[in-house]
Amino acid sequence: MSNTARLYEVFVRSRRGLDHIHVGSLHAQDPEQALEYARETYIRRAEGASIWVVESRHLHASQESDVESFYDPMDDKPYRHAANYELPDGVENM
């Protein structure tokens, strides 16, 4: 194992939450050390139930400018638009 510290991203799941949330980054020699540092840095007061550490080089992310390519236009599917439905009597909103 190299002695060079690597950058890790830290994700924490709170006791109440269902999703891991990115809380920050840290440098560590290996994943075990990254977990230890993450516990000391991000959940010192029992704020979390679970920690993930991921070496930053393993994360691949889209760019904000790519968002248009994620979605098909819904123009050809009018049933997906609520405006195309009439509400039944007695129903004020959906």
N, C-alpha and C. Protein backbone atom coordinates (compact mmCIF):
# COMPACT_ATOMS: atom_id res chain seq x y z
N MET A 1 0.86 -1.18 0.00
CA MET A 1 0.00 0.00 0.00
C MET A 1 0.89 1.23 0.00
N SER A 2 0.52 2.18 -0.80
CA SER A 2 1.29 3.41 -0.92
C SER A 2 1.13 4.27 0.34
N ASN A 3 2.15 5.06 0.64
CA ASN A 3 2.08 5.97 1.77
C ASN A 3 1.47 7.31 1.40
N THR A 4 1.02 7.44 0.17
CA THR A 4 0.42 8.68 -0.28
C THR A 4 -1.04 8.74 0.15
N ALA A 5 -1.40 9.82 0.81
CA ALA A 5 -2.80 9.99 1.22
C ALA A 5 -3.66 10.21 -0.01
N ARG A 6 -4.84 9.59 0.01
CA ARG A 6 -5.80 9.73 -1.09
C ARG A 6 -7.02 10.47 -0.59
N LEU A 7 -7.74 11.07 -1.52
CA LEU A 7 -8.93 11.83 -1.18
C LEU A 7 -10.14 10.90 -1.17
N TYR A 8 -10.93 10.97 -0.09
CA TYR A 8 -12.14 10.17 0.07
C TYR A 8 -13.33 11.09 0.26
N GLU A 9 -14.46 10.69 -0.29
CA GLU A 9 -15.72 11.39 -0.07
C GLU A 9 -16.47 10.63 1.03
N VAL A 10 -17.11 11.37 1.93
CA VAL A 10 -17.77 10.78 3.08
C VAL A 10 -19.28 10.99 2.98
N PHE A 11 -20.03 9.90 3.17
CA PHE A 11 -21.48 9.93 3.15
C PHE A 11 -21.98 9.36 4.48
N VAL A 12 -22.94 10.03 5.10
CA VAL A 12 -23.47 9.61 6.40
C VAL A 12 -24.98 9.45 6.30
N ARG A 13 -25.49 8.38 6.90
CA ARG A 13 -26.94 8.17 7.03
C ARG A 13 -27.28 8.45 8.48
N SER A 14 -28.21 9.38 8.68
CA SER A 14 -28.59 9.72 10.05
C SER A 14 -29.47 8.63 10.62
N ARG A 15 -29.67 8.66 11.89
CA ARG A 15 -30.52 7.65 12.55
C ARG A 15 -31.95 7.74 12.04
N ARG A 16 -32.40 8.93 11.69
CA ARG A 16 -33.76 9.11 11.24
C ARG A 16 -33.91 8.97 9.73
N GLY A 17 -32.82 9.15 9.01
CA GLY A 17 -32.89 9.19 7.56
C GLY A 17 -32.76 7.84 6.91
N LEU A 18 -33.12 7.81 5.63
CA LEU A 18 -33.00 6.59 4.85
C LEU A 18 -31.84 6.65 3.86
N ASP A 19 -31.45 7.86 3.48
CA ASP A 19 -30.42 8.04 2.47
C ASP A 19 -29.11 8.49 3.09
N HIS A 20 -28.02 8.05 2.48
CA HIS A 20 -26.72 8.57 2.86
C HIS A 20 -26.57 9.94 2.20
N ILE A 21 -26.07 10.89 2.94
CA ILE A 21 -25.89 12.26 2.47
C ILE A 21 -24.40 12.58 2.46
N HIS A 22 -23.95 13.22 1.38
CA HIS A 22 -22.54 13.61 1.31
C HIS A 22 -22.30 14.71 2.34
N VAL A 23 -21.32 14.48 3.21
CA VAL A 23 -21.04 15.45 4.28
C VAL A 23 -19.67 16.10 4.14
N GLY A 24 -18.81 15.57 3.28
CA GLY A 24 -17.51 16.19 3.12
C GLY A 24 -16.47 15.25 2.55
N SER A 25 -15.24 15.71 2.57
CA SER A 25 -14.12 14.97 2.02
C SER A 25 -13.00 14.93 3.05
N LEU A 26 -12.10 13.96 2.90
CA LEU A 26 -10.94 13.88 3.78
C LEU A 26 -9.83 13.11 3.09
N HIS A 27 -8.62 13.27 3.58
CA HIS A 27 -7.47 12.54 3.07
C HIS A 27 -7.12 11.41 4.04
N ALA A 28 -6.82 10.24 3.49
CA ALA A 28 -6.44 9.08 4.31
C ALA A 28 -5.55 8.16 3.49
N GLN A 29 -4.82 7.30 4.20
CA GLN A 29 -3.92 6.34 3.54
C GLN A 29 -4.68 5.18 2.90
N ASP A 30 -5.80 4.76 3.51
CA ASP A 30 -6.55 3.60 3.02
C ASP A 30 -8.00 3.72 3.50
N PRO A 31 -8.89 2.85 3.02
CA PRO A 31 -10.31 2.95 3.40
C PRO A 31 -10.56 2.81 4.91
N GLU A 32 -9.81 1.96 5.56
CA GLU A 32 -9.99 1.79 7.01
C GLU A 32 -9.67 3.08 7.76
N GLN A 33 -8.58 3.71 7.38
CA GLN A 33 -8.22 4.98 8.01
C GLN A 33 -9.25 6.05 7.65
N ALA A 34 -9.76 6.03 6.44
CA ALA A 34 -10.79 6.99 6.03
C ALA A 34 -12.04 6.83 6.89
N LEU A 35 -12.44 5.59 7.16
CA LEU A 35 -13.60 5.36 8.03
C LEU A 35 -13.35 5.90 9.44
N GLU A 36 -12.16 5.64 9.95
CA GLU A 36 -11.82 6.13 11.29
C GLU A 36 -11.86 7.66 11.33
N TYR A 37 -11.25 8.31 10.35
CA TYR A 37 -11.26 9.77 10.30
C TYR A 37 -12.69 10.30 10.14
N ALA A 38 -13.47 9.62 9.33
CA ALA A 38 -14.86 10.05 9.10
C ALA A 38 -15.67 9.97 10.40
N ARG A 39 -15.49 8.89 11.16
CA ARG A 39 -16.19 8.78 12.45
C ARG A 39 -15.79 9.92 13.38
N GLU A 40 -14.49 10.20 13.45
CA GLU A 40 -14.00 11.25 14.34
C GLU A 40 -14.45 12.64 13.90
N THR A 41 -14.54 12.84 12.60
CA THR A 41 -14.84 14.17 12.07
C THR A 41 -16.32 14.45 11.92
N TYR A 42 -17.08 13.46 11.45
CA TYR A 42 -18.46 13.73 11.04
C TYR A 42 -19.54 13.15 11.95
N ILE A 43 -19.22 12.21 12.83
CA ILE A 43 -20.28 11.69 13.70
C ILE A 43 -19.80 11.55 15.14
N ARG A 44 -19.15 12.55 15.63
CA ARG A 44 -18.63 12.53 17.00
C ARG A 44 -19.73 12.49 18.05
N ARG A 45 -20.90 13.02 17.74
CA ARG A 45 -21.98 13.10 18.72
C ARG A 45 -23.12 12.15 18.37
N ALA A 46 -22.81 11.02 17.78
CA ALA A 46 -23.80 10.00 17.41
C ALA A 46 -24.86 10.54 16.45
N GLU A 47 -24.42 11.40 15.50
CA GLU A 47 -25.36 11.94 14.53
C GLU A 47 -25.66 10.97 13.40
N GLY A 48 -24.92 9.87 13.30
CA GLY A 48 -25.11 8.98 12.17
C GLY A 48 -25.23 7.53 12.57
N ALA A 49 -25.90 6.78 11.71
CA ALA A 49 -26.07 5.35 11.93
C ALA A 49 -25.18 4.54 11.00
N SER A 50 -24.72 5.17 9.91
CA SER A 50 -23.92 4.46 8.92
C SER A 50 -23.03 5.45 8.18
N ILE A 51 -21.82 5.01 7.85
CA ILE A 51 -20.87 5.85 7.11
C ILE A 51 -20.41 5.09 5.87
N TRP A 52 -20.35 5.81 4.77
CA TRP A 52 -19.69 5.29 3.57
C TRP A 52 -18.51 6.20 3.28
N VAL A 53 -17.37 5.61 2.92
CA VAL A 53 -16.26 6.38 2.38
C VAL A 53 -15.94 5.80 1.00
N VAL A 54 -15.78 6.68 0.05
CA VAL A 54 -15.51 6.28 -1.33
C VAL A 54 -14.34 7.09 -1.82
N GLU A 55 -13.34 6.40 -2.34
CA GLU A 55 -12.21 7.12 -2.90
C GLU A 55 -12.71 7.99 -4.05
N SER A 56 -12.38 9.26 -4.00
CA SER A 56 -12.92 10.23 -4.96
C SER A 56 -12.71 9.83 -6.41
N ARG A 57 -11.61 9.19 -6.71
CA ARG A 57 -11.33 8.83 -8.10
C ARG A 57 -12.30 7.79 -8.63
N HIS A 58 -13.05 7.14 -7.74
CA HIS A 58 -14.03 6.14 -8.17
C HIS A 58 -15.42 6.72 -8.42
N LEU A 59 -15.59 8.00 -8.13
CA LEU A 59 -16.87 8.64 -8.39
C LEU A 59 -16.88 9.22 -9.79
N HIS A 60 -17.96 8.99 -10.47
CA HIS A 60 -18.14 9.56 -11.81
C HIS A 60 -19.45 10.33 -11.79
N ALA A 61 -19.40 11.58 -12.18
CA ALA A 61 -20.57 12.44 -12.06
C ALA A 61 -20.89 13.11 -13.38
N SER A 62 -22.15 13.41 -13.56
CA SER A 62 -22.57 14.18 -14.72
C SER A 62 -22.32 15.65 -14.43
N GLN A 63 -22.41 16.43 -15.46
CA GLN A 63 -22.30 17.88 -15.32
C GLN A 63 -23.71 18.46 -15.34
N GLU A 64 -23.89 19.59 -14.71
CA GLU A 64 -25.20 20.22 -14.70
C GLU A 64 -25.70 20.48 -16.12
N SER A 65 -24.79 20.76 -17.03
CA SER A 65 -25.18 21.03 -18.42
C SER A 65 -25.69 19.77 -19.13
N ASP A 66 -25.49 18.57 -18.55
CA ASP A 66 -25.96 17.32 -19.16
C ASP A 66 -27.41 17.00 -18.85
N VAL A 67 -28.05 17.77 -17.99
CA VAL A 67 -29.37 17.41 -17.49
C VAL A 67 -30.40 17.22 -18.60
N GLU A 68 -30.32 17.98 -19.66
CA GLU A 68 -31.28 17.87 -20.76
C GLU A 68 -31.27 16.47 -21.37
N SER A 69 -30.13 15.83 -21.41
CA SER A 69 -30.03 14.51 -22.03
C SER A 69 -30.60 13.40 -21.13
N PHE A 70 -30.93 13.71 -19.88
CA PHE A 70 -31.45 12.70 -18.96
C PHE A 70 -32.92 12.41 -19.19
N TYR A 71 -33.63 13.34 -19.77
CA TYR A 71 -35.08 13.23 -19.84
C TYR A 71 -35.57 13.24 -21.28
N ASP A 72 -36.53 12.38 -21.55
CA ASP A 72 -37.23 12.43 -22.82
C ASP A 72 -38.25 13.56 -22.73
N PRO A 73 -38.45 14.28 -23.80
CA PRO A 73 -39.53 15.28 -23.74
C PRO A 73 -40.86 14.55 -23.60
N MET A 74 -41.76 15.10 -22.82
CA MET A 74 -43.04 14.45 -22.58
C MET A 74 -44.13 14.98 -23.50
N ASP A 75 -43.76 15.73 -24.51
CA ASP A 75 -44.76 16.32 -25.39
C ASP A 75 -45.60 15.27 -26.10
N ASP A 76 -45.02 14.11 -26.36
CA ASP A 76 -45.77 13.06 -27.06
C ASP A 76 -46.54 12.16 -26.09
N LYS A 77 -46.55 12.49 -24.82
CA LYS A 77 -47.24 11.67 -23.81
C LYS A 77 -48.12 12.57 -22.95
N PRO A 78 -49.21 13.07 -23.50
CA PRO A 78 -50.03 14.04 -22.76
C PRO A 78 -50.62 13.48 -21.47
N TYR A 79 -50.75 12.16 -21.39
CA TYR A 79 -51.31 11.57 -20.17
C TYR A 79 -50.42 11.80 -18.96
N ARG A 80 -49.19 12.22 -19.17
CA ARG A 80 -48.28 12.49 -18.04
C ARG A 80 -48.49 13.88 -17.46
N HIS A 81 -49.23 14.72 -18.15
CA HIS A 81 -49.46 16.09 -17.68
C HIS A 81 -50.80 16.16 -16.97
N ALA A 82 -50.80 16.61 -15.74
CA ALA A 82 -52.03 16.70 -14.96
C ALA A 82 -53.05 17.64 -15.60
N ALA A 83 -52.59 18.59 -16.37
CA ALA A 83 -53.50 19.55 -17.00
C ALA A 83 -54.45 18.88 -17.99
N ASN A 84 -54.15 17.69 -18.42
CA ASN A 84 -54.99 16.99 -19.40
C ASN A 84 -56.10 16.17 -18.76
N TYR A 85 -56.25 16.26 -17.46
CA TYR A 85 -57.28 15.50 -16.75
C TYR A 85 -58.28 16.45 -16.11
N GLU A 86 -59.53 16.04 -16.11
CA GLU A 86 -60.56 16.81 -15.41
C GLU A 86 -60.75 16.20 -14.04
N LEU A 87 -60.82 17.05 -13.04
CA LEU A 87 -61.02 16.55 -11.68
C LEU A 87 -62.48 16.19 -11.48
N PRO A 88 -62.74 15.07 -10.83
CA PRO A 88 -64.12 14.69 -10.53
C PRO A 88 -64.76 15.68 -9.57
N ASP A 89 -66.08 15.74 -9.56
CA ASP A 89 -66.79 16.61 -8.62
C ASP A 89 -66.38 16.23 -7.20
N GLY A 90 -66.19 17.22 -6.39
CA GLY A 90 -65.82 16.99 -4.99
C GLY A 90 -64.32 16.98 -4.75
N VAL A 91 -63.54 16.86 -5.81
CA VAL A 91 -62.08 16.88 -5.67
C VAL A 91 -61.61 18.29 -6.06
N GLU A 92 -60.99 18.96 -5.12
CA GLU A 92 -60.59 20.34 -5.37
C GLU A 92 -59.20 20.45 -6.02
N ASN A 93 -58.29 19.54 -5.66
CA ASN A 93 -56.96 19.57 -6.26
C ASN A 93 -56.30 18.21 -6.12
N MET A 94 -55.28 18.01 -6.90
CA MET A 94 -54.51 16.76 -6.84
C MET A 94 -53.04 17.11 -6.71
